[in-house]
Amino acid sequence: MSIGGYISDKVGRKKTFIYSMAMYAIGGILLTLSINYALVLISLALLLAAAGSEMNNIMTMAHEIFPRKHRSKAMMMLMDFVALASVITAAVSFISISTTIFFGRLMAGTAVLLALIVLIFLRMKMPESVRWLEKVGKKDDAIKESQKILVNASVTNIDPIDPKIEDNNKSDKKLPLWFKEVIVTLIAFSNAVGYGFMAYTLAPLFFPSLFPYIVLIAGVAGFAAGFLGLTGDKYSRKMFLTISSVAVALLMLIIALTLNIWSKDLIIFWFLLIAFYAFVQIDYMTEDTLKGELWPTEHRGKLTALARAVSIGAYIPLIYLIPNPSSPNALSEFLMIAVIIWGIGAVAAIIWHIFGIETGKGVSISIASGEI
């Protein structure tokens, strides 16, 4: 993931996609043909590395290639379709749950290779980021790419945004990089670590036979709620982030306090599950949008990757804080940890709301990144 961000800044967004697709191809073939545990692990490592690089590059490039008028909604909807993967994975599990390990592996490998074919076709047509080309001094290449993009394009009917929004952000644009990095990392950490608390940890303890349905419904709830991202250019990014982060933290607290109620009542359980993952998805796509737009173009890949790597990597030492299941207080201790983790994200979002800049409402990426 971090290496992918560095490569993206060094060789360009488009070339990085080519490298990650090559890793997908190798990983997919190895997974399909693997005959032992070691090959399965190697193939999964390659696929995960490719996925990390791809996601980081998407978050980097999307802000640079979409016009200001549609930048936020485009980015947020890209992130929402990540939730669709959870829905598809859960649906596939119904098909393969009673099949052999080889069939499941074959299915996964085939899905990767089919997706790869589509990606190769699409990315052959994809332009390089003009903004990146300009920043690294490749002016002639930037002009050529601009000409490709602007052929048959209309520049009329571009809605101006409220000048007060841009003026206010210009005066505040000198926020230190460390402050921005800490805030987005804390919010991302909260979401990355806290995502599975309800569907993947708590729910299976009480409704193990419903696990495939729980994963499916959680994914559908998140994907559906994500369509609020279509309003991303209209409303405040800080508002979306604060409301969703605080809502998830409060829901996690309610889930912890009402454990003895929802664990015995399926109707209440389904309501809490849907509400939880609806707000988790809004929080996820908002913080991922923010995470990629705050940095200077020439450093956007690596600084986005840094926030992602630290927030996800922090899960490793956290494993050692998980209480021993045999402990009589294990469940209550786990719930307390879950509330604290989501609380960290909520506090960070509130701090950003107070001291951060507005990056939504059609604000230019040049202003969101502090470049002007």
Protein backbone atom coordinates (compact mmCIF):
# COMPACT_ATOMS: atom_id res chain seq x y z
CA MET A 1 0.00 0.00 0.00
CA SER A 2 2.68 2.53 1.06
CA ILE A 3 4.94 1.42 -1.80
CA GLY A 4 2.05 1.86 -4.21
CA GLY A 5 1.60 5.45 -3.05
CA TYR A 6 5.29 6.19 -3.58
CA ILE A 7 5.22 4.60 -7.04
CA SER A 8 2.12 6.60 -7.94
CA ASP A 9 3.89 9.88 -7.17
CA LYS A 10 7.06 8.74 -8.91
CA VAL A 11 5.89 7.20 -12.21
CA GLY A 12 2.29 8.39 -12.50
CA ARG A 13 -1.22 7.23 -11.75
CA LYS A 14 -1.82 5.29 -14.96
CA LYS A 15 1.42 3.29 -14.82
CA THR A 16 0.72 2.38 -11.20
CA PHE A 17 -2.59 0.84 -12.30
CA ILE A 18 -0.67 -1.24 -14.84
CA TYR A 19 1.68 -2.54 -12.15
CA SER A 20 -1.17 -3.41 -9.79
CA MET A 21 -3.06 -5.20 -12.59
CA ALA A 22 0.01 -7.33 -13.26
CA MET A 23 0.05 -8.28 -9.58
CA TYR A 24 -3.66 -9.14 -9.79
CA ALA A 25 -3.01 -11.41 -12.77
CA ILE A 26 -0.15 -13.27 -11.09
CA GLY A 27 -2.06 -13.58 -7.82
CA GLY A 28 -5.25 -14.75 -9.53
CA ILE A 29 -3.44 -17.42 -11.56
CA LEU A 30 -1.51 -18.66 -8.53
CA LEU A 31 -4.69 -18.81 -6.44
CA THR A 32 -6.52 -20.84 -9.09
CA LEU A 33 -3.63 -23.28 -9.60
CA SER A 34 -2.32 -23.43 -6.03
CA ILE A 35 -1.70 -26.94 -4.80
CA ASN A 36 -0.50 -26.22 -1.28
CA TYR A 37 -0.96 -23.81 1.61
CA ALA A 38 2.22 -21.85 0.84
CA LEU A 39 1.06 -20.99 -2.69
CA VAL A 40 -2.34 -19.93 -1.38
CA LEU A 41 -0.67 -17.55 1.09
CA ILE A 42 1.63 -16.13 -1.60
CA SER A 43 -1.26 -15.59 -4.02
CA LEU A 44 -3.37 -13.92 -1.33
CA ALA A 45 -0.45 -11.67 -0.37
CA LEU A 46 -0.07 -10.57 -4.01
CA LEU A 47 -3.82 -9.97 -4.36
CA LEU A 48 -3.96 -7.94 -1.14
CA ALA A 49 -0.92 -5.89 -2.14
CA ALA A 50 -2.49 -5.23 -5.55
CA ALA A 51 -5.79 -4.27 -3.93
CA GLY A 52 -4.06 -1.87 -1.53
CA SER A 53 -2.18 -0.21 -4.37
CA GLU A 54 -5.33 -0.02 -6.52
CA MET A 55 -7.43 1.54 -3.78
CA ASN A 56 -4.76 4.07 -2.92
CA ASN A 57 -4.34 5.02 -6.58
CA ILE A 58 -8.09 5.38 -7.07
CA MET A 59 -8.28 7.69 -4.06
CA THR A 60 -5.35 9.67 -5.43
CA MET A 61 -6.36 9.93 -9.08
CA ALA A 62 -10.09 10.45 -8.73
CA HIS A 63 -9.61 13.90 -7.19
CA GLU A 64 -7.32 14.88 -10.05
CA ILE A 65 -9.34 13.78 -13.06
CA PHE A 66 -12.94 14.61 -12.16
CA PRO A 67 -14.14 18.19 -12.69
CA ARG A 68 -14.73 20.30 -9.59
CA LYS A 69 -18.48 20.28 -10.08
CA HIS A 70 -18.62 16.47 -9.76
CA ARG A 71 -15.43 15.63 -7.84
CA SER A 72 -16.98 14.88 -4.46
CA LYS A 73 -19.91 12.81 -5.67
CA ALA A 74 -17.69 10.85 -8.06
CA MET A 75 -15.21 10.01 -5.33
CA MET A 76 -17.85 9.14 -2.75
CA MET A 77 -19.72 6.88 -5.15
CA LEU A 78 -16.49 5.12 -6.09
CA MET A 79 -16.02 4.37 -2.41
CA ASP A 80 -19.64 3.25 -2.09
CA PHE A 81 -19.16 0.60 -4.74
CA VAL A 82 -16.49 -0.95 -2.53
CA ALA A 83 -19.43 -1.94 -0.30
CA LEU A 84 -20.95 -3.72 -3.28
CA ALA A 85 -18.04 -6.17 -3.03
CA SER A 86 -19.31 -7.19 0.42
CA VAL A 87 -22.74 -7.84 -1.03
CA ILE A 88 -21.34 -9.91 -3.89
CA THR A 89 -19.01 -11.82 -1.56
CA ALA A 90 -21.90 -12.67 0.75
CA ALA A 91 -24.05 -13.74 -2.20
CA VAL A 92 -21.25 -15.95 -3.56
CA SER A 93 -20.87 -17.55 -0.12
CA PHE A 94 -24.41 -18.92 -0.43
CA ILE A 95 -23.38 -20.65 -3.65
CA SER A 96 -20.03 -22.02 -2.52
CA ILE A 97 -20.65 -22.67 1.19
CA SER A 98 -21.40 -26.36 0.59
CA THR A 99 -18.82 -26.92 -2.14
CA THR A 100 -15.23 -28.12 -2.02
CA ILE A 101 -12.27 -25.92 -1.13
CA PHE A 102 -10.96 -26.31 -4.69
CA PHE A 103 -14.25 -25.04 -6.15
CA GLY A 104 -14.21 -22.00 -3.86
CA ARG A 105 -10.62 -21.27 -4.81
CA LEU A 106 -11.41 -21.72 -8.51
CA MET A 107 -14.37 -19.37 -8.18
CA ALA A 108 -12.26 -16.68 -6.50
CA GLY A 109 -9.47 -16.97 -9.05
CA THR A 110 -11.89 -16.84 -11.97
CA ALA A 111 -13.58 -13.74 -10.55
CA VAL A 112 -10.20 -12.00 -10.25
CA LEU A 113 -9.21 -12.84 -13.83
CA LEU A 114 -12.60 -11.78 -15.27
CA ALA A 115 -12.38 -8.48 -13.41
CA LEU A 116 -8.85 -8.07 -14.71
CA ILE A 117 -9.97 -8.40 -18.33
CA VAL A 118 -12.49 -5.59 -17.82
CA LEU A 119 -9.89 -3.42 -16.06
CA ILE A 120 -7.35 -3.85 -18.85
CA PHE A 121 -9.89 -2.70 -21.44
CA LEU A 122 -10.95 0.31 -19.39
CA ARG A 123 -7.47 1.41 -18.41
CA MET A 124 -6.16 1.34 -21.94
CA LYS A 125 -8.57 4.23 -22.51
CA MET A 126 -7.75 6.00 -19.25
CA PRO A 127 -5.81 9.29 -19.43
CA GLU A 128 -2.92 10.12 -17.16
CA SER A 129 -3.59 12.74 -14.51
CA VAL A 130 -2.96 16.11 -16.16
CA ARG A 131 -2.49 17.69 -12.74
CA TRP A 132 0.28 15.19 -11.87
CA LEU A 133 1.98 15.68 -15.24
CA GLU A 134 2.05 19.43 -14.70
CA LYS A 135 3.41 19.15 -11.16
CA VAL A 136 6.31 16.88 -12.18
CA GLY A 137 7.24 19.16 -15.08
CA LYS A 138 5.92 17.10 -18.00
CA LYS A 139 4.21 20.07 -19.65
CA ASP A 140 4.09 18.62 -23.20
CA ASP A 141 2.53 15.37 -21.99
CA ALA A 142 0.04 17.37 -19.93
CA ILE A 143 -1.02 19.31 -23.04
CA LYS A 144 -1.46 16.09 -25.04
CA GLU A 145 -3.58 14.48 -22.32
CA SER A 146 -5.64 17.67 -21.98
CA GLN A 147 -6.36 17.64 -25.70
CA LYS A 148 -7.59 14.05 -25.49
CA ILE A 149 -9.90 14.88 -22.61
CA LEU A 150 -11.26 18.11 -24.09
CA VAL A 151 -12.13 16.73 -27.52
CA ASN A 152 -15.90 17.05 -27.92
CA ALA A 153 -16.14 18.25 -24.30
CA SER A 154 -18.28 21.22 -23.43
CA VAL A 155 -17.07 23.85 -21.00
CA THR A 156 -20.38 25.69 -20.87
CA ASN A 157 -22.94 25.64 -18.09
CA ILE A 158 -20.36 25.32 -15.33
CA ASP A 159 -22.02 26.38 -12.11
CA PRO A 160 -19.93 28.75 -9.98
CA ILE A 161 -19.72 27.99 -6.27
CA ASP A 162 -20.18 30.37 -3.41
CA PRO A 163 -17.02 32.54 -3.38
CA LYS A 164 -17.24 32.85 0.41
CA ILE A 165 -16.49 29.14 0.74
CA GLU A 166 -13.29 29.40 -1.30
CA ASP A 167 -12.24 32.68 0.34
CA ASN A 168 -12.59 31.18 3.82
CA ASN A 169 -10.60 28.12 2.83
CA LYS A 170 -7.85 30.17 1.21
CA SER A 171 -7.27 32.00 4.48
CA ASP A 172 -7.10 28.68 6.36
CA LYS A 173 -5.22 26.62 3.81
CA LYS A 174 -1.94 26.64 5.72
CA LEU A 175 -2.98 23.87 8.08
CA PRO A 176 0.17 21.87 8.88
CA LEU A 177 0.53 18.53 7.13
CA TRP A 178 1.04 16.74 10.45
CA PHE A 179 -2.33 17.97 11.74
CA LYS A 180 -4.15 16.80 8.62
CA GLU A 181 -2.32 13.48 8.65
CA VAL A 182 -3.11 12.81 12.31
CA ILE A 183 -6.81 13.67 11.95
CA VAL A 184 -7.47 11.57 8.85
CA THR A 185 -5.43 8.68 10.27
CA LEU A 186 -7.44 8.64 13.50
CA ILE A 187 -10.75 8.72 11.66
CA ALA A 188 -9.59 6.04 9.22
CA PHE A 189 -8.28 3.91 12.11
CA SER A 190 -11.65 4.08 13.82
CA ASN A 191 -13.47 2.94 10.68
CA ALA A 192 -10.97 0.30 9.58
CA VAL A 193 -10.75 -1.37 12.98
CA GLY A 194 -14.34 -0.81 14.05
CA TYR A 195 -16.04 -1.90 10.82
CA GLY A 196 -16.42 -5.56 11.71
CA PHE A 197 -17.38 -5.24 15.37
CA MET A 198 -21.10 -5.78 14.83
CA ALA A 199 -21.45 -8.10 11.82
CA TYR A 200 -18.28 -10.17 12.13
CA THR A 201 -17.69 -10.34 15.89
CA LEU A 202 -20.74 -9.67 18.05
CA ALA A 203 -23.57 -10.96 15.85
CA PRO A 204 -22.09 -14.43 15.22
CA LEU A 205 -21.83 -14.98 18.98
CA PHE A 206 -25.60 -14.84 19.31
CA PHE A 207 -26.86 -15.74 15.82
CA PRO A 208 -24.22 -18.05 14.30
CA SER A 209 -26.65 -19.71 11.89
CA LEU A 210 -27.53 -16.30 10.41
CA PHE A 211 -23.95 -15.24 9.72
CA PRO A 212 -24.14 -15.26 5.87
CA TYR A 213 -27.39 -13.28 6.03
CA ILE A 214 -25.91 -10.83 8.54
CA VAL A 215 -22.96 -10.09 6.24
CA LEU A 216 -25.30 -9.73 3.26
CA ILE A 217 -27.74 -7.37 5.01
CA ALA A 218 -24.90 -5.29 6.46
CA GLY A 219 -23.42 -4.90 2.98
CA VAL A 220 -26.75 -4.01 1.40
CA ALA A 221 -27.50 -1.45 4.14
CA GLY A 222 -24.13 0.20 3.64
CA PHE A 223 -24.35 0.20 -0.14
CA ALA A 224 -27.84 1.71 -0.08
CA ALA A 225 -26.87 4.42 2.42
CA GLY A 226 -23.85 5.24 0.28
CA PHE A 227 -26.04 6.77 -2.39
CA LEU A 228 -26.13 9.83 -0.17
CA GLY A 229 -22.74 10.42 -1.74
CA LEU A 230 -24.60 11.79 -4.77
CA THR A 231 -25.12 14.93 -2.68
CA GLY A 232 -21.40 15.20 -1.88
CA ASP A 233 -20.92 18.31 -4.02
CA LYS A 234 -23.92 20.02 -2.48
CA TYR A 235 -23.35 19.57 1.23
CA SER A 236 -20.45 20.11 3.60
CA ARG A 237 -17.82 17.37 3.86
CA LYS A 238 -17.24 18.37 7.49
CA MET A 239 -20.95 17.98 8.20
CA PHE A 240 -21.09 14.50 6.63
CA LEU A 241 -18.01 13.41 8.54
CA THR A 242 -19.09 14.76 11.92
CA ILE A 243 -22.65 13.45 11.77
CA SER A 244 -21.65 9.98 10.58
CA SER A 245 -18.72 9.58 13.00
CA VAL A 246 -20.71 10.71 16.02
CA ALA A 247 -23.72 8.61 14.96
CA VAL A 248 -21.64 5.44 14.68
CA ALA A 249 -19.99 6.07 18.05
CA LEU A 250 -23.40 6.57 19.67
CA LEU A 251 -24.81 3.48 17.98
CA MET A 252 -21.85 1.44 19.20
CA LEU A 253 -22.54 2.70 22.71
CA ILE A 254 -26.24 1.78 22.40
CA ILE A 255 -25.30 -1.66 21.07
CA ALA A 256 -23.02 -2.18 24.06
CA LEU A 257 -25.60 -1.00 26.61
CA THR A 258 -28.50 -2.99 25.12
CA LEU A 259 -26.66 -6.26 24.51
CA ASN A 260 -29.08 -8.25 26.66
CA ILE A 261 -32.01 -6.86 24.68
CA TRP A 262 -30.99 -7.14 21.00
CA SER A 263 -29.26 -10.49 21.53
CA LYS A 264 -32.70 -11.94 22.34
CA ASP A 265 -34.82 -9.97 19.88
CA LEU A 266 -34.16 -10.36 16.15
CA ILE A 267 -36.24 -7.34 15.15
CA ILE A 268 -34.19 -5.00 17.36
CA PHE A 269 -31.00 -6.70 16.20
CA TRP A 270 -31.78 -6.16 12.50
CA PHE A 271 -32.70 -2.53 13.14
CA LEU A 272 -29.41 -1.85 14.98
CA LEU A 273 -27.39 -3.73 12.35
CA ILE A 274 -28.89 -1.78 9.44
CA ALA A 275 -28.57 1.58 11.20
CA PHE A 276 -25.00 0.84 12.26
CA TYR A 277 -23.75 -0.12 8.80
CA ALA A 278 -25.64 2.67 7.08
CA PHE A 279 -23.75 5.26 9.12
CA VAL A 280 -20.49 3.27 8.95
CA GLN A 281 -20.68 3.43 5.15
CA ILE A 282 -21.32 7.19 5.12
CA ASP A 283 -18.40 7.64 7.50
CA TYR A 284 -16.19 5.37 5.38
CA MET A 285 -16.76 7.03 2.03
CA THR A 286 -16.52 10.51 3.55
CA GLU A 287 -13.25 9.90 5.39
CA ASP A 288 -11.76 8.15 2.36
CA THR A 289 -12.72 11.12 0.20
CA LEU A 290 -11.13 13.51 2.69
CA LYS A 291 -8.06 11.30 2.99
CA GLY A 292 -7.15 11.73 -0.67
CA GLU A 293 -7.86 15.41 -1.21
CA LEU A 294 -5.81 17.21 1.43
CA TRP A 295 -2.34 16.78 -0.05
CA PRO A 296 -0.21 18.56 -2.67
CA THR A 297 -0.44 16.73 -6.01
CA GLU A 298 3.20 15.65 -6.12
CA HIS A 299 2.85 14.01 -2.68
CA ARG A 300 -0.80 12.91 -2.79
CA GLY A 301 -0.07 9.24 -3.40
CA LYS A 302 2.43 8.73 -0.60
CA LEU A 303 0.60 10.86 2.01
CA THR A 304 -2.70 9.12 1.29
CA ALA A 305 -0.89 5.78 1.57
CA LEU A 306 0.71 6.82 4.86
CA ALA A 307 -2.67 7.54 6.46
CA ARG A 308 -4.06 4.24 5.16
CA ALA A 309 -1.04 2.17 6.20
CA VAL A 310 -0.91 3.55 9.74
CA SER A 311 -4.67 3.31 10.30
CA ILE A 312 -4.87 -0.29 9.07
CA GLY A 313 -1.51 -1.32 10.54
CA ALA A 314 -2.62 -0.12 13.96
CA TYR A 315 -4.96 -3.10 14.01
CA ILE A 316 -1.96 -5.41 14.55
CA PRO A 317 -0.90 -4.21 18.04
CA LEU A 318 -4.57 -3.82 18.91
CA ILE A 319 -4.97 -7.58 18.59
CA TYR A 320 -3.01 -7.95 21.82
CA LEU A 321 -5.58 -5.82 23.64
CA ILE A 322 -8.46 -8.12 22.73
CA PRO A 323 -9.54 -9.86 25.93
CA ASN A 324 -9.14 -13.60 26.38
CA PRO A 325 -12.45 -15.28 25.41
CA SER A 326 -12.23 -17.46 28.50
CA SER A 327 -12.24 -14.43 30.77
CA PRO A 328 -15.57 -13.86 32.55
CA ASN A 329 -15.46 -10.17 31.60
CA ALA A 330 -14.27 -10.72 28.01
CA LEU A 331 -17.45 -9.52 26.32
CA SER A 332 -17.85 -6.37 28.41
CA GLU A 333 -14.15 -5.54 27.90
CA PHE A 334 -14.50 -6.03 24.15
CA LEU A 335 -17.55 -3.75 24.05
CA MET A 336 -15.66 -1.08 25.98
CA ILE A 337 -12.79 -1.27 23.45
CA ALA A 338 -15.26 -1.00 20.56
CA VAL A 339 -16.90 2.10 22.02
CA ILE A 340 -13.50 3.74 22.64
CA ILE A 341 -12.30 3.05 19.10
CA TRP A 342 -15.38 4.58 17.47
CA GLY A 343 -15.20 7.39 20.04
CA ILE A 344 -11.68 8.24 18.85
CA GLY A 345 -13.00 8.71 15.32
CA ALA A 346 -15.87 10.87 16.55
CA VAL A 347 -13.57 13.15 18.55
CA ALA A 348 -11.19 13.51 15.58
CA ALA A 349 -14.11 14.39 13.30
CA ILE A 350 -15.33 17.05 15.72
CA ILE A 351 -11.82 18.54 15.93
CA TRP A 352 -11.69 18.66 12.12
CA HIS A 353 -15.13 20.27 12.05
CA ILE A 354 -13.87 23.04 14.32
CA PHE A 355 -10.34 23.58 13.00
CA GLY A 356 -10.31 21.97 9.57
CA ILE A 357 -11.19 23.39 6.18
CA GLU A 358 -14.24 22.76 4.02
CA THR A 359 -13.37 20.44 1.14
CA GLY A 360 -16.90 19.70 -0.07
CA LYS A 361 -19.55 21.96 -1.59
CA GLY A 362 -17.74 22.03 -4.93
CA VAL A 363 -14.48 23.35 -3.52
CA SER A 364 -11.59 23.07 -5.97
CA ILE A 365 -9.04 20.33 -5.31
CA SER A 366 -6.36 23.04 -5.49
CA ILE A 367 -7.92 24.71 -2.45
CA ALA A 368 -8.67 21.45 -0.61
CA SER A 369 -5.02 20.47 -1.01
CA GLY A 370 -3.71 23.90 0.01
CA GLU A 371 -1.94 24.39 -3.32
CA ILE A 372 -3.53 27.84 -3.82
